[in-house]
Every structure is written in C-alpha cells, then in structure tokens.
Amino acid sequence: MYRYPATRDKESPPAAPAPDLGRLAVSGHYIALRVGFAYPLEEDNALPASWVEHYTRAGLLMADPVLHWVHGSTGSIRWSALADRDSRGVLAQAAEYGLRFGLAVSILDPGPKGHRSWGSFARPDREFTDEEVALLEAYLRQRHESLAPPTNITRAELEALRLVKDGQRLKQIAWQLGVTEGAVKQRLKSARLKLEAKTGAEAISRATSFGLI
C-alpha cells in the first residue's frame, strides 16, 4: 500500500526469479524496490484496481498502518499484528476488497544512506504460514540485492555523469575535466554499463536514485 502506480508491463521480466506470487498472494501484492528520496527504483503493482481506486479516493495513504510499519521497521509482520495501529480501519476496508489477510516485508541496507525495499502481500482465505513468510522474505531480499548500486564505478565516471546531469555538453565536459571528448564518451559508456542502464538518461536516473551523483 503505497503510491500505487500503474501495473508494470507484463512483458518486462522480473529482476530475479519469482516464486508463484499468484498462488502465495492470491489477492494481490505490491513491491517497491530501493526506495530513494520519494520513489522506488522499480516497483510491481498487482493489487485489485478497485482497491487502488478506493485507497486513493479515500486518502488512506497517511493512515495506512502497513505503510507506517515498512518505513520504520525491518523484517516481516502479518497485517493482523498491526490492527491496534489502524485508527482509520484501513485493513478492514482492504478486507472488503478481498485483501483479508496480509504480510508486510521490509529490507534496509546498513548505513545512513542505505536503501529500503518493501512488499505487501495479501490473501482472502488465511494467514501466511511461516514457510511462506520465509519464502517471500528471501524473494524480496534477492530482488533488493539484485538492484544494489555498483561498487566498481569510478569517481571519474560519476563526475562525467554529474556534469551531463547539470546540462553541460560533451565539449564543455572535456574542457572542464582536461580530457578528450573521446575519453568523456568512454567514461559515460562505462558508467552506463556498470549501472546496467540502456540509455544515458537512465544511467543518470539510476545514479541519482542510488545517491551516487
């Protein structure tokens, strides 16, 4: 339960092999991976459209006990354990849309600049078993770690990216850094590959989300 974007393109492969989420989270799920300043680097929304619409129209975001928990805790918790924190009855309203039993999972990198990934999973029929909780925790951690920022990107490559982000042209960057335009191009290409980005714009976006530039 978050900002609830449109569901991702079904043709896009997941970042890591997934368990059968359709079987485990029968009522739907939402996953936010490596949340930066405000938005996640990647997200999956498989929640019922009717619930998303109600959640948005009713303005439940700030009152959502699941959202409060995932941003202040790590590990996992069943929704039923959050009932005493649900002053606006968000969980009861979710149950009316088939999300009767749920699980929240939250993962945070160590250190002050660590990124957080979290997921919310729901069923209509029963609580998640301990085995299912462990499986979903492992899956979310795998996806979280698969999107970790590269450790081999150099300062020179990041500086070139930062200057492009600032709106400078290739010739200006080369002059400022005291290198050839070809060297700048190579640094930008290397940064893009290390960030696993398809375009320069995506490389800048990823580096910014990771707090690298």
C-alpha atoms as a PDB file:
ATOM      1  CA  MET A   1       0.000   0.000   0.000  1.00  0.00           C
ATOM      2  CA  TYR A   2       1.876   2.983  -1.273  1.00  0.00           C
ATOM      3  CA  ARG A   3       1.635   5.466  -4.103  1.00  0.00           C
ATOM      4  CA  TYR A   4       0.120   2.717  -6.280  1.00  0.00           C
ATOM      5  CA  PRO A   5       1.378   3.326  -9.814  1.00  0.00           C
ATOM      6  CA  ALA A   6       0.004   1.636 -12.871  1.00  0.00           C
ATOM      7  CA  THR A   7       0.831  -2.051 -13.073  1.00  0.00           C
ATOM      8  CA  ARG A   8       4.157  -2.776 -14.781  1.00  0.00           C
ATOM      9  CA  ASP A   9       4.268  -4.034 -18.336  1.00  0.00           C
ATOM     10  CA  LYS A  10       3.707  -7.768 -18.116  1.00  0.00           C
ATOM     11  CA  GLU A  11       6.309  -8.349 -20.823  1.00  0.00           C
ATOM     12  CA  SER A  12       9.069  -6.909 -18.614  1.00  0.00           C
ATOM     13  CA  PRO A  13      10.892  -9.747 -16.804  1.00  0.00           C
ATOM     14  CA  PRO A  14      11.293  -9.523 -13.032  1.00  0.00           C
ATOM     15  CA  ALA A  15      14.677  -8.586 -11.607  1.00  0.00           C
ATOM     16  CA  ALA A  16      15.031 -12.086 -10.134  1.00  0.00           C
ATOM     17  CA  PRO A  17      13.242 -15.447 -10.484  1.00  0.00           C
ATOM     18  CA  ALA A  18       9.999 -15.210  -8.541  1.00  0.00           C
ATOM     19  CA  PRO A  19       8.020 -17.705  -6.515  1.00  0.00           C
ATOM     20  CA  ASP A  20       4.439 -18.209  -7.618  1.00  0.00           C
ATOM     21  CA  LEU A  21       3.098 -14.909  -6.310  1.00  0.00           C
ATOM     22  CA  GLY A  22      -0.274 -15.610  -7.885  1.00  0.00           C
ATOM     23  CA  ARG A  23      -0.599 -18.627  -5.604  1.00  0.00           C
ATOM     24  CA  LEU A  24       1.007 -17.155  -2.491  1.00  0.00           C
ATOM     25  CA  ALA A  25      -0.583 -13.703  -2.666  1.00  0.00           C
ATOM     26  CA  VAL A  26      -3.919 -14.653  -4.190  1.00  0.00           C
ATOM     27  CA  SER A  27      -5.491 -11.238  -3.589  1.00  0.00           C
ATOM     28  CA  GLY A  28      -2.525  -9.295  -4.950  1.00  0.00           C
ATOM     29  CA  HIS A  29       0.776  -7.728  -3.977  1.00  0.00           C
ATOM     30  CA  TYR A  30       2.742  -4.507  -4.169  1.00  0.00           C
ATOM     31  CA  ILE A  31       6.553  -4.339  -4.186  1.00  0.00           C
ATOM     32  CA  ALA A  32       8.739  -1.215  -4.015  1.00  0.00           C
ATOM     33  CA  LEU A  33      12.436  -1.792  -4.678  1.00  0.00           C
ATOM     34  CA  ARG A  34      15.182   0.515  -3.411  1.00  0.00           C
ATOM     35  CA  VAL A  35      13.086   3.491  -2.446  1.00  0.00           C
ATOM     36  CA  GLY A  36      15.120   6.676  -2.865  1.00  0.00           C
ATOM     37  CA  PHE A  37      14.103  10.195  -1.917  1.00  0.00           C
ATOM     38  CA  ALA A  38      10.444   9.532  -2.645  1.00  0.00           C
ATOM     39  CA  TYR A  39      10.037   6.872  -5.319  1.00  0.00           C
ATOM     40  CA  PRO A  40      11.348   3.332  -5.775  1.00  0.00           C
ATOM     41  CA  LEU A  41      13.854   2.368  -8.431  1.00  0.00           C
ATOM     42  CA  GLU A  42      11.457  -0.361  -9.565  1.00  0.00           C
ATOM     43  CA  GLU A  43       8.001  -1.432  -8.462  1.00  0.00           C
ATOM     44  CA  ASP A  44       5.389  -4.113  -9.088  1.00  0.00           C
ATOM     45  CA  ASN A  45       1.703  -3.447  -8.568  1.00  0.00           C
ATOM     46  CA  ALA A  46      -0.578  -6.472  -8.756  1.00  0.00           C
ATOM     47  CA  LEU A  47      -3.341  -5.174  -6.488  1.00  0.00           C
ATOM     48  CA  PRO A  48      -7.022  -5.085  -7.471  1.00  0.00           C
ATOM     49  CA  ALA A  49      -7.773  -1.922  -9.429  1.00  0.00           C
ATOM     50  CA  SER A  50     -10.941  -1.377  -7.400  1.00  0.00           C
ATOM     51  CA  TRP A  51      -8.942  -1.343  -4.154  1.00  0.00           C
ATOM     52  CA  VAL A  52      -6.318   1.017  -5.584  1.00  0.00           C
ATOM     53  CA  GLU A  53      -9.072   3.402  -6.671  1.00  0.00           C
ATOM     54  CA  HIS A  54     -10.784   3.301  -3.265  1.00  0.00           C
ATOM     55  CA  TYR A  55      -7.465   3.672  -1.415  1.00  0.00           C
ATOM     56  CA  THR A  56      -6.592   6.738  -3.469  1.00  0.00           C
ATOM     57  CA  ARG A  57     -10.010   8.407  -3.361  1.00  0.00           C
ATOM     58  CA  ALA A  58     -10.393   7.843   0.386  1.00  0.00           C
ATOM     59  CA  GLY A  59      -6.945   9.308   1.074  1.00  0.00           C
ATOM     60  CA  LEU A  60      -5.772   6.309   3.096  1.00  0.00           C
ATOM     61  CA  LEU A  61      -2.058   6.752   2.403  1.00  0.00           C
ATOM     62  CA  MET A  62      -1.120   8.661   5.562  1.00  0.00           C
ATOM     63  CA  ALA A  63      -3.261   6.424   7.791  1.00  0.00           C
ATOM     64  CA  ASP A  64      -2.063   3.100   6.384  1.00  0.00           C
ATOM     65  CA  PRO A  65      -0.509   1.065   9.244  1.00  0.00           C
ATOM     66  CA  VAL A  66       1.309  -1.193   6.780  1.00  0.00           C
ATOM     67  CA  LEU A  67       2.981   1.786   5.137  1.00  0.00           C
ATOM     68  CA  HIS A  68       3.999   3.202   8.517  1.00  0.00           C
ATOM     69  CA  TRP A  69       5.460  -0.142   9.561  1.00  0.00           C
ATOM     70  CA  VAL A  70       7.511  -0.837   6.424  1.00  0.00           C
ATOM     71  CA  HIS A  71       9.140   2.594   6.567  1.00  0.00           C
ATOM     72  CA  GLY A  72      10.082   2.292  10.227  1.00  0.00           C
ATOM     73  CA  SER A  73      10.908  -1.390  10.651  1.00  0.00           C
ATOM     74  CA  THR A  74      12.692  -4.315   9.036  1.00  0.00           C
ATOM     75  CA  GLY A  75      11.790  -7.977   8.782  1.00  0.00           C
ATOM     76  CA  SER A  76       8.220  -9.144   8.323  1.00  0.00           C
ATOM     77  CA  ILE A  77       4.871  -8.810  10.054  1.00  0.00           C
ATOM     78  CA  ARG A  78       1.372 -10.096   9.396  1.00  0.00           C
ATOM     79  CA  TRP A  79      -1.249  -7.410   8.929  1.00  0.00           C
ATOM     80  CA  SER A  80      -3.257  -8.809  11.831  1.00  0.00           C
ATOM     81  CA  ALA A  81      -0.463  -7.724  14.190  1.00  0.00           C
ATOM     82  CA  LEU A  82      -0.996  -4.117  13.083  1.00  0.00           C
ATOM     83  CA  ALA A  83      -4.710  -3.946  13.909  1.00  0.00           C
ATOM     84  CA  ASP A  84      -4.156  -1.842  17.035  1.00  0.00           C
ATOM     85  CA  ARG A  85      -2.369   0.807  14.925  1.00  0.00           C
ATOM     86  CA  ASP A  86      -5.182   1.091  12.383  1.00  0.00           C
ATOM     87  CA  SER A  87      -7.165   4.088  13.622  1.00  0.00           C
ATOM     88  CA  ARG A  88      -8.983   4.612  10.302  1.00  0.00           C
ATOM     89  CA  GLY A  89      -9.791   0.981   9.668  1.00  0.00           C
ATOM     90  CA  VAL A  90      -7.629   0.694   6.551  1.00  0.00           C
ATOM     91  CA  LEU A  91      -7.204  -3.057   6.998  1.00  0.00           C
ATOM     92  CA  ALA A  92     -10.932  -3.601   7.466  1.00  0.00           C
ATOM     93  CA  GLN A  93     -11.570  -1.658   4.273  1.00  0.00           C
ATOM     94  CA  ALA A  94      -8.952  -3.740   2.446  1.00  0.00           C
ATOM     95  CA  ALA A  95     -10.759  -6.892   3.584  1.00  0.00           C
ATOM     96  CA  GLU A  96     -13.901  -5.692   1.800  1.00  0.00           C
ATOM     97  CA  TYR A  97     -11.921  -5.868  -1.454  1.00  0.00           C
ATOM     98  CA  GLY A  98     -10.654  -9.397  -0.841  1.00  0.00           C
ATOM     99  CA  LEU A  99      -7.424  -8.452   0.941  1.00  0.00           C
ATOM    100  CA  ARG A 100      -8.380 -10.079   4.244  1.00  0.00           C
ATOM    101  CA  PHE A 101      -5.026 -11.493   5.367  1.00  0.00           C
ATOM    102  CA  GLY A 102      -1.720  -9.841   4.607  1.00  0.00           C
ATOM    103  CA  LEU A 103       2.014  -9.815   5.103  1.00  0.00           C
ATOM    104  CA  ALA A 104       4.441  -6.885   5.049  1.00  0.00           C
ATOM    105  CA  VAL A 105       8.173  -7.349   4.432  1.00  0.00           C
ATOM    106  CA  SER A 106      10.789  -4.597   4.728  1.00  0.00           C
ATOM    107  CA  ILE A 107      14.526  -4.703   3.966  1.00  0.00           C
ATOM    108  CA  LEU A 108      17.030  -1.913   4.623  1.00  0.00           C
ATOM    109  CA  ASP A 109      20.691  -1.621   3.664  1.00  0.00           C
ATOM    110  CA  PRO A 110      23.086  -0.920   6.547  1.00  0.00           C
ATOM    111  CA  GLY A 111      24.457   2.586   6.956  1.00  0.00           C
ATOM    112  CA  PRO A 112      22.912   6.070   6.890  1.00  0.00           C
ATOM    113  CA  LYS A 113      22.499   6.079   3.098  1.00  0.00           C
ATOM    114  CA  GLY A 114      21.000   2.616   2.828  1.00  0.00           C
ATOM    115  CA  HIS A 115      18.060   1.999   0.526  1.00  0.00           C
ATOM    116  CA  ARG A 116      14.853   0.289   1.573  1.00  0.00           C
ATOM    117  CA  SER A 117      12.775  -2.250  -0.333  1.00  0.00           C
ATOM    118  CA  TRP A 118       9.419  -3.476   0.846  1.00  0.00           C
ATOM    119  CA  GLY A 119       6.484  -5.585  -0.174  1.00  0.00           C
ATOM    120  CA  SER A 120       2.881  -6.081   0.860  1.00  0.00           C
ATOM    121  CA  PHE A 121       1.165  -9.381   0.031  1.00  0.00           C
ATOM    122  CA  ALA A 122      -2.475 -10.370   0.533  1.00  0.00           C
ATOM    123  CA  ARG A 123      -4.760 -13.402   0.629  1.00  0.00           C
ATOM    124  CA  PRO A 124      -8.543 -13.794   1.022  1.00  0.00           C
ATOM    125  CA  ASP A 125      -8.621 -17.042   2.996  1.00  0.00           C
ATOM    126  CA  ARG A 126      -5.964 -17.461   5.711  1.00  0.00           C
ATOM    127  CA  GLU A 127      -2.803 -16.119   7.326  1.00  0.00           C
ATOM    128  CA  PHE A 128       0.525 -16.642   5.587  1.00  0.00           C
ATOM    129  CA  THR A 129       2.393 -19.636   7.001  1.00  0.00           C
ATOM    130  CA  ASP A 130       5.887 -19.316   8.469  1.00  0.00           C
ATOM    131  CA  GLU A 131       7.256 -21.124   5.418  1.00  0.00           C
ATOM    132  CA  GLU A 132       5.543 -18.673   3.073  1.00  0.00           C
ATOM    133  CA  VAL A 133       6.810 -15.731   5.121  1.00  0.00           C
ATOM    134  CA  ALA A 134      10.383 -17.022   4.819  1.00  0.00           C
ATOM    135  CA  LEU A 135       9.965 -17.583   1.078  1.00  0.00           C
ATOM    136  CA  LEU A 136       8.660 -14.061   0.453  1.00  0.00           C
ATOM    137  CA  GLU A 137      11.369 -12.525   2.635  1.00  0.00           C
ATOM    138  CA  ALA A 138      14.059 -14.375   0.665  1.00  0.00           C
ATOM    139  CA  TYR A 139      12.489 -13.362  -2.646  1.00  0.00           C
ATOM    140  CA  LEU A 140      12.309  -9.689  -1.728  1.00  0.00           C
ATOM    141  CA  ARG A 141      15.892  -9.703  -0.438  1.00  0.00           C
ATOM    142  CA  GLN A 142      17.077 -11.310  -3.673  1.00  0.00           C
ATOM    143  CA  ARG A 143      15.380  -8.625  -5.738  1.00  0.00           C
ATOM    144  CA  HIS A 144      16.683  -5.904  -3.411  1.00  0.00           C
ATOM    145  CA  GLU A 145      20.263  -7.125  -3.728  1.00  0.00           C
ATOM    146  CA  SER A 146      19.971  -7.574  -7.496  1.00  0.00           C
ATOM    147  CA  LEU A 147      19.453  -3.807  -7.773  1.00  0.00           C
ATOM    148  CA  ALA A 148      22.321  -2.807  -5.483  1.00  0.00           C
ATOM    149  CA  PRO A 149      24.430   0.104  -6.781  1.00  0.00           C
ATOM    150  CA  PRO A 150      27.683  -0.920  -8.475  1.00  0.00           C
ATOM    151  CA  THR A 151      30.818  -0.806  -6.353  1.00  0.00           C
ATOM    152  CA  ASN A 152      33.239  -0.658  -9.292  1.00  0.00           C
ATOM    153  CA  ILE A 153      32.099   2.630 -10.809  1.00  0.00           C
ATOM    154  CA  THR A 154      34.875   5.241 -10.667  1.00  0.00           C
ATOM    155  CA  ARG A 155      34.864   8.838  -9.487  1.00  0.00           C
ATOM    156  CA  ALA A 156      35.781   9.961 -12.990  1.00  0.00           C
ATOM    157  CA  GLU A 157      32.776   8.144 -14.454  1.00  0.00           C
ATOM    158  CA  LEU A 158      30.450   9.611 -11.847  1.00  0.00           C
ATOM    159  CA  GLU A 159      31.833  13.094 -12.421  1.00  0.00           C
ATOM    160  CA  ALA A 160      31.124  12.796 -16.134  1.00  0.00           C
ATOM    161  CA  LEU A 161      27.565  11.683 -15.369  1.00  0.00           C
ATOM    162  CA  ARG A 162      27.075  14.534 -12.922  1.00  0.00           C
ATOM    163  CA  LEU A 163      28.180  17.116 -15.473  1.00  0.00           C
ATOM    164  CA  VAL A 164      25.788  15.696 -18.066  1.00  0.00           C
ATOM    165  CA  LYS A 165      23.034  15.847 -15.453  1.00  0.00           C
ATOM    166  CA  ASP A 166      23.926  19.511 -14.890  1.00  0.00           C
ATOM    167  CA  GLY A 167      23.244  20.159 -18.570  1.00  0.00           C
ATOM    168  CA  GLN A 168      26.784  20.509 -19.861  1.00  0.00           C
ATOM    169  CA  ARG A 169      27.659  19.434 -23.387  1.00  0.00           C
ATOM    170  CA  LEU A 170      30.337  16.911 -24.259  1.00  0.00           C
ATOM    171  CA  LYS A 171      32.810  19.572 -25.373  1.00  0.00           C
ATOM    172  CA  GLN A 172      32.322  21.559 -22.163  1.00  0.00           C
ATOM    173  CA  ILE A 173      32.807  18.461 -20.023  1.00  0.00           C
ATOM    174  CA  ALA A 174      36.008  17.530 -21.848  1.00  0.00           C
ATOM    175  CA  TRP A 175      37.401  21.045 -21.373  1.00  0.00           C
ATOM    176  CA  GLN A 176      36.462  21.136 -17.688  1.00  0.00           C
ATOM    177  CA  LEU A 177      37.974  17.726 -16.960  1.00  0.00           C
ATOM    178  CA  GLY A 178      41.040  18.295 -19.122  1.00  0.00           C
ATOM    179  CA  VAL A 179      40.477  15.208 -21.259  1.00  0.00           C
ATOM    180  CA  THR A 180      39.400  14.457 -24.814  1.00  0.00           C
ATOM    181  CA  GLU A 181      35.784  14.149 -25.885  1.00  0.00           C
ATOM    182  CA  GLY A 182      36.513  10.508 -26.663  1.00  0.00           C
ATOM    183  CA  ALA A 183      37.604   9.955 -23.067  1.00  0.00           C
ATOM    184  CA  VAL A 184      34.381  11.514 -21.803  1.00  0.00           C
ATOM    185  CA  LYS A 185      32.328   9.283 -24.103  1.00  0.00           C
ATOM    186  CA  GLN A 186      34.167   6.224 -22.807  1.00  0.00           C
ATOM    187  CA  ARG A 187      33.546   7.223 -19.176  1.00  0.00           C
ATOM    188  CA  LEU A 188      29.851   7.734 -19.850  1.00  0.00           C
ATOM    189  CA  LYS A 189      29.601   4.404 -21.662  1.00  0.00           C
ATOM    190  CA  SER A 190      31.408   2.596 -18.852  1.00  0.00           C
ATOM    191  CA  ALA A 191      29.145   4.195 -16.241  1.00  0.00           C
ATOM    192  CA  ARG A 192      26.052   3.212 -18.222  1.00  0.00           C
ATOM    193  CA  LEU A 193      27.176  -0.415 -18.457  1.00  0.00           C
ATOM    194  CA  LYS A 194      28.070  -0.634 -14.767  1.00  0.00           C
ATOM    195  CA  LEU A 195      24.692   0.838 -13.842  1.00  0.00           C
ATOM    196  CA  GLU A 196      23.010  -1.657 -16.203  1.00  0.00           C
ATOM    197  CA  ALA A 197      21.200   1.199 -17.918  1.00  0.00           C
ATOM    198  CA  LYS A 198      20.009   1.135 -21.513  1.00  0.00           C
ATOM    199  CA  THR A 199      20.446   4.863 -22.105  1.00  0.00           C
ATOM    200  CA  GLY A 200      22.438   7.749 -20.732  1.00  0.00           C
ATOM    201  CA  ALA A 201      19.296   9.251 -19.240  1.00  0.00           C
ATOM    202  CA  GLU A 202      18.555   6.002 -17.428  1.00  0.00           C
ATOM    203  CA  ALA A 203      22.150   5.880 -16.150  1.00  0.00           C
ATOM    204  CA  ILE A 204      21.772   9.371 -14.692  1.00  0.00           C
ATOM    205  CA  SER A 205      18.425   8.439 -13.147  1.00  0.00           C
ATOM    206  CA  ARG A 206      19.858   5.294 -11.558  1.00  0.00           C
ATOM    207  CA  ALA A 207      22.972   7.049 -10.272  1.00  0.00           C
ATOM    208  CA  THR A 208      20.778   9.751  -8.760  1.00  0.00           C
ATOM    209  CA  SER A 209      18.472   7.197  -7.139  1.00  0.00           C
ATOM    210  CA  PHE A 210      21.485   5.435  -5.650  1.00  0.00           C
ATOM    211  CA  GLY A 211      22.776   8.734  -4.266  1.00  0.00           C
ATOM    212  CA  LEU A 212      25.956   8.467  -6.350  1.00  0.00           C
ATOM    213  CA  ILE A 213      25.586  11.869  -8.014  1.00  0.00           C
END
